[in-house]
């Protein structure tokens, strides 16, 4: 945590982009697996 605070703004902005892309991929994966689990629940209920 302290290392991030010590970084200059330029370094932080350069490193933020790939982290954001990874977070978006991770969030997309979570949403997709959630939707799949919801579909499985609906099929079990007989909808």
C-alpha atoms as a PDB file:
ATOM      1  CA  UNK A   1       0.000   0.000   0.000  1.00  0.00           C
ATOM      2  CA  UNK A   2       2.759   2.447   0.913  1.00  0.00           C
ATOM      3  CA  UNK A   3       4.589   1.702  -2.346  1.00  0.00           C
ATOM      4  CA  UNK A   4       1.564   2.764  -4.395  1.00  0.00           C
ATOM      5  CA  UNK A   5       1.318   6.054  -2.496  1.00  0.00           C
ATOM      6  CA  UNK A   6       5.021   6.713  -3.054  1.00  0.00           C
ATOM      7  CA  UNK A   7       4.720   6.311  -6.836  1.00  0.00           C
ATOM      8  CA  UNK A   8       4.509   9.379  -9.044  1.00  0.00           C
ATOM      9  CA  UNK A   9       1.254  10.014 -10.916  1.00  0.00           C
ATOM     10  CA  UNK A  10       2.837   9.147 -14.287  1.00  0.00           C
ATOM     11  CA  UNK A  11       3.940   5.703 -13.153  1.00  0.00           C
ATOM     12  CA  UNK A  12       0.564   5.032 -11.546  1.00  0.00           C
ATOM     13  CA  UNK A  13      -1.386   5.977 -14.694  1.00  0.00           C
ATOM     14  CA  UNK A  14       0.776   3.694 -16.835  1.00  0.00           C
ATOM     15  CA  UNK A  15       0.185   0.719 -14.551  1.00  0.00           C
ATOM     16  CA  UNK A  16      -3.517   1.393 -14.035  1.00  0.00           C
ATOM     17  CA  UNK A  17      -4.554   0.478 -17.600  1.00  0.00           C
ATOM     18  CA  UNK A  18      -3.662  -3.256 -17.638  1.00  0.00           C
ATOM     19  CA  UNK A  19      -5.102  -3.594 -14.113  1.00  0.00           C
ATOM     20  CA  UNK A  20      -8.398  -2.111 -15.294  1.00  0.00           C
ATOM     21  CA  UNK A  21      -8.512  -4.512 -18.242  1.00  0.00           C
ATOM     22  CA  UNK A  22      -7.901  -7.461 -15.910  1.00  0.00           C
ATOM     23  CA  UNK A  23     -10.606  -6.230 -13.538  1.00  0.00           C
ATOM     24  CA  UNK A  24     -13.083  -5.916 -16.427  1.00  0.00           C
ATOM     25  CA  UNK A  25     -12.273  -9.457 -17.604  1.00  0.00           C
ATOM     26  CA  UNK A  26     -12.672 -10.728 -14.036  1.00  0.00           C
ATOM     27  CA  UNK A  27     -16.004  -8.914 -13.592  1.00  0.00           C
ATOM     28  CA  UNK A  28     -17.226 -10.282 -16.962  1.00  0.00           C
ATOM     29  CA  UNK A  29     -16.267 -13.825 -15.913  1.00  0.00           C
ATOM     30  CA  UNK A  30     -18.109 -13.425 -12.588  1.00  0.00           C
ATOM     31  CA  UNK A  31     -21.224 -12.106 -14.341  1.00  0.00           C
ATOM     32  CA  UNK A  32     -21.170 -14.909 -16.915  1.00  0.00           C
ATOM     33  CA  UNK A  33     -20.821 -17.645 -14.291  1.00  0.00           C
ATOM     34  CA  UNK A  34     -23.599 -15.999 -12.245  1.00  0.00           C
ATOM     35  CA  UNK A  35     -25.936 -15.970 -15.259  1.00  0.00           C
ATOM     36  CA  UNK A  36     -25.145 -19.630 -15.977  1.00  0.00           C
ATOM     37  CA  UNK A  37     -25.931 -20.593 -12.379  1.00  0.00           C
ATOM     38  CA  UNK A  38     -29.214 -18.648 -12.573  1.00  0.00           C
ATOM     39  CA  UNK A  39     -30.132 -20.508 -15.774  1.00  0.00           C
ATOM     40  CA  UNK A  40     -29.405 -23.850 -14.100  1.00  0.00           C
ATOM     41  CA  UNK A  41     -31.643 -22.877 -11.157  1.00  0.00           C
ATOM     42  CA  UNK A  42     -34.449 -21.871 -13.561  1.00  0.00           C
ATOM     43  CA  UNK A  43     -34.162 -25.204 -15.404  1.00  0.00           C
ATOM     44  CA  UNK A  44     -34.378 -27.100 -12.101  1.00  0.00           C
ATOM     45  CA  UNK A  45     -37.515 -25.164 -11.145  1.00  0.00           C
ATOM     46  CA  UNK A  46     -39.057 -26.200 -14.478  1.00  0.00           C
ATOM     47  CA  UNK A  47     -39.482 -22.755 -16.050  1.00  0.00           C
END
